[in-house]
Each structure stands twice: as structure tokens, then as C-alpha cells.
Amino acid sequence: MMDEQECIKSDVALSCFLRALLRGMIMEKTQLLPFEVLVRDFTSVVRYGLNAKVLHPKGPLARFVCRDFLQTAYRNATAEEKKYLPIIEKRIENGSLSDVIKERVLRRAQKTNLNEAILDVYSELLKCLRENEPFF
């Protein structure tokens, strides 16, 4: 079960992305990397996120590989799935939910104290959750 802890719409977007990507990888007969390389890349992504260095032919950083995966997903998505892919595109460009939270807290903390900045950002996050809208 996937749960990005953001909103249901984001969870649906991730599901649509993965379905379209896997469909595309099967239809395009994508050559898979060796298991050991995938494990190393996964470990790097867990630690460094989209800026992780990876051993993939589509680019030296996880962000480049995700951009390529997004193009594959767009080519192979149904009309309904395509409606959700812009959410994934923004996530690839802006980073994970925790990256966005951290950036906003730091930005707001320049104008107010840290506790108030955290409360402001999490209040905005709660509003997005109530309205089922991604937090970008």
C-alpha cells in the first residue's frame, strides 16, 4: 500500500505513474539493470533523494532517471492516468514532501521564529490534506 502522507490525490498520482511506467517498460521491452546496481541505486536514493548519484544509462542523478521514467509514463498512460502525471512532474522538480516542507520552513523562518514557521507550514499542509490537494 502506498501512502505519501500528503493527500489521496498524490497517492492516486503515484499509482497512475507506476502503472503507466510499468506498462511502458513492458511494451518497450526496457532492459533492466542488474540487481546489485538497483540495490546500490536504491540505497543512494534513500539517503540523498532525487540528487542521489545513480548508475543508470538515463543520467547520473536520480532526478534525471525519474524525468525519463515520467516521459515513458506519459507515452503509455491512459487518458485518465495522464490527468495525474503533472503531480508527479512537480514532485520530481520540487523534491519529496519532506524536501518541500523543509524548504518552506527555512524560508518562513527567515521572517519569523522557527516555531511559528513550523506551525504555519504544517497548517498549510493540513489545509491541503483537507482539500485533497498536493503540497507543492
N, C-alpha and C. Protein backbone atom coordinates (compact mmCIF):
# COMPACT_ATOMS: atom_id res chain seq x y z
N MET A 1 0.84 -1.17 0.00
CA MET A 1 0.00 0.00 0.00
C MET A 1 0.89 1.24 0.00
N MET A 2 0.56 2.18 -0.88
CA MET A 2 1.32 3.42 -0.96
C MET A 2 0.57 4.51 -0.21
N ASP A 3 1.31 5.28 0.56
CA ASP A 3 0.72 6.41 1.25
C ASP A 3 1.81 7.45 1.41
N GLU A 4 1.70 8.51 0.63
CA GLU A 4 2.72 9.56 0.67
C GLU A 4 2.55 10.50 1.84
N GLN A 5 1.49 10.32 2.64
CA GLN A 5 1.22 11.17 3.78
C GLN A 5 0.94 12.61 3.37
N GLU A 6 0.45 12.79 2.18
CA GLU A 6 0.19 14.13 1.68
C GLU A 6 -1.30 14.31 1.42
N CYS A 7 -1.82 13.60 0.44
CA CYS A 7 -3.26 13.60 0.16
C CYS A 7 -3.57 12.42 -0.75
N ILE A 8 -4.82 12.06 -0.81
CA ILE A 8 -5.22 10.91 -1.61
C ILE A 8 -4.88 11.14 -3.08
N LYS A 9 -5.04 12.37 -3.54
CA LYS A 9 -4.75 12.68 -4.95
C LYS A 9 -3.29 12.35 -5.29
N SER A 10 -2.38 12.62 -4.37
CA SER A 10 -0.97 12.30 -4.60
C SER A 10 -0.74 10.79 -4.64
N ASP A 11 -1.45 10.07 -3.79
CA ASP A 11 -1.34 8.61 -3.81
C ASP A 11 -1.85 8.05 -5.14
N VAL A 12 -2.96 8.58 -5.62
CA VAL A 12 -3.51 8.14 -6.91
C VAL A 12 -2.52 8.49 -8.02
N ALA A 13 -1.92 9.67 -7.95
CA ALA A 13 -0.95 10.08 -8.97
C ALA A 13 0.23 9.11 -9.01
N LEU A 14 0.72 8.73 -7.85
CA LEU A 14 1.84 7.79 -7.80
C LEU A 14 1.43 6.44 -8.39
N SER A 15 0.22 6.00 -8.09
CA SER A 15 -0.26 4.74 -8.66
C SER A 15 -0.38 4.82 -10.18
N CYS A 16 -0.92 5.93 -10.68
CA CYS A 16 -1.05 6.11 -12.13
C CYS A 16 0.31 6.14 -12.80
N PHE A 17 1.25 6.84 -12.18
CA PHE A 17 2.61 6.91 -12.71
C PHE A 17 3.23 5.52 -12.80
N LEU A 18 3.14 4.76 -11.73
CA LEU A 18 3.75 3.43 -11.71
C LEU A 18 3.09 2.49 -12.71
N ARG A 19 1.78 2.53 -12.79
CA ARG A 19 1.08 1.68 -13.76
C ARG A 19 1.51 2.00 -15.19
N ALA A 20 1.51 3.29 -15.53
CA ALA A 20 1.88 3.70 -16.90
C ALA A 20 3.35 3.41 -17.17
N LEU A 21 4.20 3.63 -16.19
CA LEU A 21 5.63 3.36 -16.36
C LEU A 21 5.86 1.86 -16.59
N LEU A 22 5.28 1.04 -15.75
CA LEU A 22 5.46 -0.41 -15.91
C LEU A 22 4.89 -0.90 -17.24
N ARG A 23 3.73 -0.37 -17.60
CA ARG A 23 3.15 -0.72 -18.90
C ARG A 23 4.13 -0.36 -20.02
N GLY A 24 4.70 0.82 -19.93
CA GLY A 24 5.65 1.28 -20.94
C GLY A 24 6.92 0.45 -20.96
N MET A 25 7.43 0.11 -19.79
CA MET A 25 8.65 -0.69 -19.73
C MET A 25 8.42 -2.07 -20.35
N ILE A 26 7.23 -2.62 -20.14
CA ILE A 26 6.91 -3.93 -20.74
C ILE A 26 6.75 -3.79 -22.25
N MET A 27 5.98 -2.79 -22.68
CA MET A 27 5.73 -2.61 -24.12
C MET A 27 7.00 -2.25 -24.88
N GLU A 28 7.86 -1.44 -24.26
CA GLU A 28 9.09 -1.01 -24.91
C GLU A 28 10.24 -1.97 -24.66
N LYS A 29 9.96 -3.04 -23.93
CA LYS A 29 10.96 -4.08 -23.64
C LYS A 29 12.23 -3.46 -23.04
N THR A 30 12.04 -2.66 -22.02
CA THR A 30 13.15 -1.99 -21.35
C THR A 30 14.09 -3.01 -20.72
N GLN A 31 15.36 -2.84 -20.98
CA GLN A 31 16.38 -3.70 -20.40
C GLN A 31 16.57 -3.30 -18.94
N LEU A 32 16.43 -4.25 -18.04
CA LEU A 32 16.58 -3.97 -16.61
C LEU A 32 18.05 -4.05 -16.21
N LEU A 33 18.40 -3.23 -15.24
CA LEU A 33 19.76 -3.23 -14.72
C LEU A 33 19.96 -4.42 -13.78
N PRO A 34 21.20 -4.83 -13.57
CA PRO A 34 21.47 -5.93 -12.64
C PRO A 34 20.97 -5.60 -11.22
N PHE A 35 20.56 -6.61 -10.51
CA PHE A 35 20.01 -6.46 -9.16
C PHE A 35 20.95 -5.67 -8.25
N GLU A 36 22.23 -5.97 -8.30
CA GLU A 36 23.20 -5.31 -7.42
C GLU A 36 23.24 -3.80 -7.68
N VAL A 37 23.14 -3.41 -8.94
CA VAL A 37 23.14 -1.98 -9.29
C VAL A 37 21.86 -1.33 -8.75
N LEU A 38 20.74 -2.01 -8.91
CA LEU A 38 19.48 -1.47 -8.41
C LEU A 38 19.51 -1.28 -6.89
N VAL A 39 20.08 -2.23 -6.18
CA VAL A 39 20.19 -2.13 -4.73
C VAL A 39 21.08 -0.95 -4.34
N ARG A 40 22.20 -0.78 -5.01
CA ARG A 40 23.09 0.36 -4.74
C ARG A 40 22.40 1.68 -5.01
N ASP A 41 21.71 1.75 -6.16
CA ASP A 41 20.99 2.98 -6.50
C ASP A 41 19.88 3.26 -5.49
N PHE A 42 19.14 2.23 -5.09
CA PHE A 42 18.07 2.40 -4.12
C PHE A 42 18.62 2.95 -2.81
N THR A 43 19.72 2.39 -2.35
CA THR A 43 20.34 2.86 -1.10
C THR A 43 20.75 4.33 -1.22
N SER A 44 21.28 4.70 -2.36
CA SER A 44 21.69 6.08 -2.60
C SER A 44 20.48 7.02 -2.62
N VAL A 45 19.39 6.58 -3.25
CA VAL A 45 18.18 7.40 -3.33
C VAL A 45 17.56 7.58 -1.95
N VAL A 46 17.55 6.53 -1.14
CA VAL A 46 17.02 6.65 0.22
C VAL A 46 17.80 7.71 0.99
N ARG A 47 19.08 7.75 0.78
CA ARG A 47 19.93 8.69 1.54
C ARG A 47 19.92 10.10 0.97
N TYR A 48 19.94 10.24 -0.37
CA TYR A 48 20.12 11.56 -0.98
C TYR A 48 18.93 12.04 -1.82
N GLY A 49 17.89 11.24 -1.91
CA GLY A 49 16.70 11.66 -2.66
C GLY A 49 16.98 11.80 -4.15
N LEU A 50 16.33 12.78 -4.75
CA LEU A 50 16.44 12.97 -6.20
C LEU A 50 17.83 13.41 -6.65
N ASN A 51 18.64 13.86 -5.73
CA ASN A 51 20.01 14.27 -6.07
C ASN A 51 21.02 13.13 -5.89
N ALA A 52 20.52 11.95 -5.65
CA ALA A 52 21.40 10.78 -5.47
C ALA A 52 22.12 10.47 -6.77
N LYS A 53 23.39 10.11 -6.66
CA LYS A 53 24.13 9.63 -7.82
C LYS A 53 23.75 8.18 -8.05
N VAL A 54 23.42 7.87 -9.31
CA VAL A 54 22.99 6.52 -9.66
C VAL A 54 23.77 6.01 -10.86
N LEU A 55 23.75 4.70 -11.03
CA LEU A 55 24.43 4.06 -12.16
C LEU A 55 23.39 3.65 -13.19
N HIS A 56 22.80 4.63 -13.84
CA HIS A 56 21.74 4.36 -14.80
C HIS A 56 22.08 5.03 -16.12
N PRO A 57 21.78 4.40 -17.23
CA PRO A 57 22.11 4.98 -18.54
C PRO A 57 21.35 6.27 -18.85
N LYS A 58 20.26 6.56 -18.13
CA LYS A 58 19.47 7.77 -18.40
C LYS A 58 19.97 9.00 -17.66
N GLY A 59 21.01 8.85 -16.88
CA GLY A 59 21.56 10.02 -16.22
C GLY A 59 22.29 9.67 -14.95
N PRO A 60 23.16 10.58 -14.52
CA PRO A 60 23.97 10.32 -13.33
C PRO A 60 23.23 10.58 -12.01
N LEU A 61 22.07 11.25 -12.09
CA LEU A 61 21.31 11.56 -10.87
C LEU A 61 19.92 10.93 -10.95
N ALA A 62 19.39 10.59 -9.80
CA ALA A 62 18.05 10.00 -9.74
C ALA A 62 17.01 10.91 -10.39
N ARG A 63 17.16 12.21 -10.25
CA ARG A 63 16.20 13.16 -10.84
C ARG A 63 16.12 12.98 -12.37
N PHE A 64 17.26 12.77 -13.03
CA PHE A 64 17.28 12.57 -14.48
C PHE A 64 16.57 11.28 -14.87
N VAL A 65 16.80 10.23 -14.09
CA VAL A 65 16.16 8.95 -14.36
C VAL A 65 14.65 9.09 -14.17
N CYS A 66 14.23 9.78 -13.10
CA CYS A 66 12.79 9.98 -12.87
C CYS A 66 12.16 10.79 -13.99
N ARG A 67 12.86 11.78 -14.51
CA ARG A 67 12.33 12.56 -15.65
C ARG A 67 12.13 11.65 -16.86
N ASP A 68 13.08 10.77 -17.10
CA ASP A 68 12.95 9.84 -18.22
C ASP A 68 11.80 8.87 -17.97
N PHE A 69 11.68 8.38 -16.75
CA PHE A 69 10.56 7.49 -16.41
C PHE A 69 9.24 8.21 -16.61
N LEU A 70 9.18 9.49 -16.28
CA LEU A 70 7.94 10.25 -16.46
C LEU A 70 7.57 10.32 -17.93
N GLN A 71 8.55 10.51 -18.81
CA GLN A 71 8.27 10.54 -20.25
C GLN A 71 7.72 9.19 -20.73
N THR A 72 8.30 8.12 -20.21
CA THR A 72 7.79 6.78 -20.54
C THR A 72 6.35 6.64 -20.06
N ALA A 73 6.08 7.10 -18.86
CA ALA A 73 4.72 7.03 -18.31
C ALA A 73 3.75 7.83 -19.18
N TYR A 74 4.12 9.05 -19.57
CA TYR A 74 3.24 9.86 -20.43
C TYR A 74 2.93 9.14 -21.75
N ARG A 75 3.94 8.52 -22.34
CA ARG A 75 3.73 7.83 -23.62
C ARG A 75 2.77 6.65 -23.49
N ASN A 76 2.68 6.09 -22.30
CA ASN A 76 1.95 4.84 -22.13
C ASN A 76 0.76 4.95 -21.17
N ALA A 77 0.44 6.15 -20.76
CA ALA A 77 -0.66 6.36 -19.82
C ALA A 77 -2.00 6.43 -20.54
N THR A 78 -3.03 6.01 -19.84
CA THR A 78 -4.39 6.20 -20.35
C THR A 78 -4.74 7.68 -20.19
N ALA A 79 -5.83 8.09 -20.79
CA ALA A 79 -6.27 9.49 -20.67
C ALA A 79 -6.49 9.85 -19.20
N GLU A 80 -7.08 8.94 -18.44
CA GLU A 80 -7.33 9.20 -17.01
C GLU A 80 -6.02 9.30 -16.23
N GLU A 81 -5.07 8.42 -16.51
CA GLU A 81 -3.78 8.45 -15.81
C GLU A 81 -3.02 9.73 -16.11
N LYS A 82 -3.11 10.22 -17.35
CA LYS A 82 -2.39 11.43 -17.73
C LYS A 82 -2.82 12.64 -16.93
N LYS A 83 -4.05 12.66 -16.45
CA LYS A 83 -4.54 13.78 -15.63
C LYS A 83 -3.74 13.92 -14.33
N TYR A 84 -3.18 12.82 -13.86
CA TYR A 84 -2.48 12.83 -12.58
C TYR A 84 -0.96 12.99 -12.72
N LEU A 85 -0.43 12.78 -13.89
CA LEU A 85 1.03 12.82 -14.06
C LEU A 85 1.66 14.18 -13.79
N PRO A 86 0.97 15.32 -13.99
CA PRO A 86 1.59 16.59 -13.62
C PRO A 86 1.94 16.68 -12.13
N ILE A 87 1.22 15.97 -11.29
CA ILE A 87 1.55 15.95 -9.86
C ILE A 87 2.91 15.29 -9.67
N ILE A 88 3.16 14.21 -10.38
CA ILE A 88 4.45 13.53 -10.29
C ILE A 88 5.55 14.42 -10.86
N GLU A 89 5.24 15.10 -11.95
CA GLU A 89 6.22 16.01 -12.55
C GLU A 89 6.65 17.09 -11.56
N LYS A 90 5.70 17.67 -10.85
CA LYS A 90 6.04 18.68 -9.84
C LYS A 90 6.84 18.09 -8.71
N ARG A 91 6.52 16.86 -8.32
CA ARG A 91 7.27 16.22 -7.25
C ARG A 91 8.71 15.97 -7.68
N ILE A 92 8.90 15.57 -8.93
CA ILE A 92 10.26 15.35 -9.43
C ILE A 92 11.04 16.66 -9.44
N GLU A 93 10.41 17.73 -9.81
CA GLU A 93 11.11 19.03 -9.87
C GLU A 93 11.30 19.66 -8.49
N ASN A 94 10.30 19.52 -7.61
CA ASN A 94 10.35 20.19 -6.30
C ASN A 94 10.92 19.33 -5.19
N GLY A 95 11.01 18.04 -5.41
CA GLY A 95 11.51 17.14 -4.38
C GLY A 95 10.38 16.48 -3.61
N SER A 96 10.76 15.68 -2.65
CA SER A 96 9.80 14.94 -1.84
C SER A 96 9.00 15.88 -0.95
N LEU A 97 7.96 15.35 -0.36
CA LEU A 97 7.16 16.15 0.57
C LEU A 97 8.03 16.71 1.68
N SER A 98 8.92 15.91 2.23
CA SER A 98 9.79 16.40 3.30
C SER A 98 10.74 17.49 2.79
N ASP A 99 11.20 17.38 1.54
CA ASP A 99 12.04 18.44 0.96
C ASP A 99 11.27 19.75 0.88
N VAL A 100 10.01 19.68 0.44
CA VAL A 100 9.19 20.88 0.29
C VAL A 100 8.90 21.48 1.66
N ILE A 101 8.58 20.65 2.64
CA ILE A 101 8.32 21.14 4.00
C ILE A 101 9.56 21.84 4.54
N LYS A 102 10.70 21.21 4.43
CA LYS A 102 11.95 21.77 4.94
C LYS A 102 12.24 23.12 4.29
N GLU A 103 12.11 23.18 2.96
CA GLU A 103 12.40 24.43 2.24
C GLU A 103 11.47 25.54 2.69
N ARG A 104 10.19 25.24 2.83
CA ARG A 104 9.23 26.27 3.24
C ARG A 104 9.44 26.72 4.68
N VAL A 105 9.75 25.80 5.56
CA VAL A 105 10.02 26.17 6.95
C VAL A 105 11.24 27.08 7.01
N LEU A 106 12.30 26.71 6.31
CA LEU A 106 13.52 27.54 6.32
C LEU A 106 13.26 28.93 5.74
N ARG A 107 12.47 28.98 4.67
CA ARG A 107 12.15 30.27 4.05
C ARG A 107 11.33 31.15 5.02
N ARG A 108 10.34 30.55 5.65
CA ARG A 108 9.49 31.31 6.58
C ARG A 108 10.24 31.68 7.85
N ALA A 109 11.16 30.84 8.25
CA ALA A 109 11.93 31.10 9.48
C ALA A 109 12.84 32.32 9.31
N GLN A 110 13.08 32.75 8.09
CA GLN A 110 13.86 33.97 7.87
C GLN A 110 13.07 35.21 8.28
N LYS A 111 11.72 35.09 8.32
CA LYS A 111 10.86 36.23 8.62
C LYS A 111 10.24 36.16 10.01
N THR A 112 10.30 34.98 10.63
CA THR A 112 9.68 34.78 11.94
C THR A 112 10.49 33.74 12.70
N ASN A 113 10.07 33.41 13.91
CA ASN A 113 10.82 32.40 14.66
C ASN A 113 10.50 31.00 14.12
N LEU A 114 11.35 30.06 14.44
CA LEU A 114 11.26 28.72 13.88
C LEU A 114 9.94 28.04 14.25
N ASN A 115 9.50 28.15 15.51
CA ASN A 115 8.25 27.51 15.92
C ASN A 115 7.06 28.03 15.13
N GLU A 116 6.99 29.32 14.93
CA GLU A 116 5.90 29.91 14.15
C GLU A 116 5.97 29.46 12.69
N ALA A 117 7.18 29.40 12.16
CA ALA A 117 7.35 28.95 10.78
C ALA A 117 6.86 27.51 10.62
N ILE A 118 7.20 26.65 11.56
CA ILE A 118 6.77 25.26 11.51
C ILE A 118 5.25 25.17 11.59
N LEU A 119 4.65 25.90 12.51
CA LEU A 119 3.20 25.90 12.64
C LEU A 119 2.52 26.40 11.37
N ASP A 120 3.05 27.45 10.76
CA ASP A 120 2.49 27.98 9.52
C ASP A 120 2.52 26.94 8.40
N VAL A 121 3.66 26.31 8.23
CA VAL A 121 3.83 25.34 7.15
C VAL A 121 2.93 24.13 7.37
N TYR A 122 2.89 23.63 8.60
CA TYR A 122 2.05 22.46 8.85
C TYR A 122 0.56 22.80 8.80
N SER A 123 0.20 24.01 9.11
CA SER A 123 -1.20 24.44 8.94
C SER A 123 -1.57 24.43 7.47
N GLU A 124 -0.67 24.90 6.64
CA GLU A 124 -0.89 24.88 5.19
C GLU A 124 -0.97 23.44 4.67
N LEU A 125 -0.12 22.58 5.21
CA LEU A 125 -0.15 21.17 4.83
C LEU A 125 -1.48 20.52 5.21
N LEU A 126 -1.99 20.83 6.40
CA LEU A 126 -3.29 20.30 6.84
C LEU A 126 -4.42 20.78 5.92
N LYS A 127 -4.35 22.03 5.50
CA LYS A 127 -5.36 22.57 4.59
C LYS A 127 -5.34 21.79 3.27
N CYS A 128 -4.15 21.51 2.75
CA CYS A 128 -4.02 20.74 1.52
C CYS A 128 -4.61 19.34 1.70
N LEU A 129 -4.36 18.73 2.84
CA LEU A 129 -4.90 17.40 3.11
C LEU A 129 -6.42 17.43 3.14
N ARG A 130 -6.99 18.43 3.81
CA ARG A 130 -8.46 18.56 3.86
C ARG A 130 -9.05 18.75 2.47
N GLU A 131 -8.36 19.51 1.63
CA GLU A 131 -8.87 19.83 0.28
C GLU A 131 -8.41 18.82 -0.78
N ASN A 132 -7.68 17.79 -0.35
CA ASN A 132 -7.17 16.75 -1.24
C ASN A 132 -6.34 17.35 -2.37
N GLU A 133 -5.45 18.26 -2.02
CA GLU A 133 -4.56 18.90 -3.00
C GLU A 133 -3.11 18.67 -2.58
N PRO A 134 -2.24 18.41 -3.53
CA PRO A 134 -0.82 18.23 -3.22
C PRO A 134 -0.21 19.48 -2.61
N PHE A 135 0.82 19.31 -1.85
CA PHE A 135 1.54 20.38 -1.18
C PHE A 135 2.83 20.65 -1.95
N PHE A 136 2.79 21.67 -2.82
CA PHE A 136 3.98 21.98 -3.64
C PHE A 136 4.64 23.24 -3.17
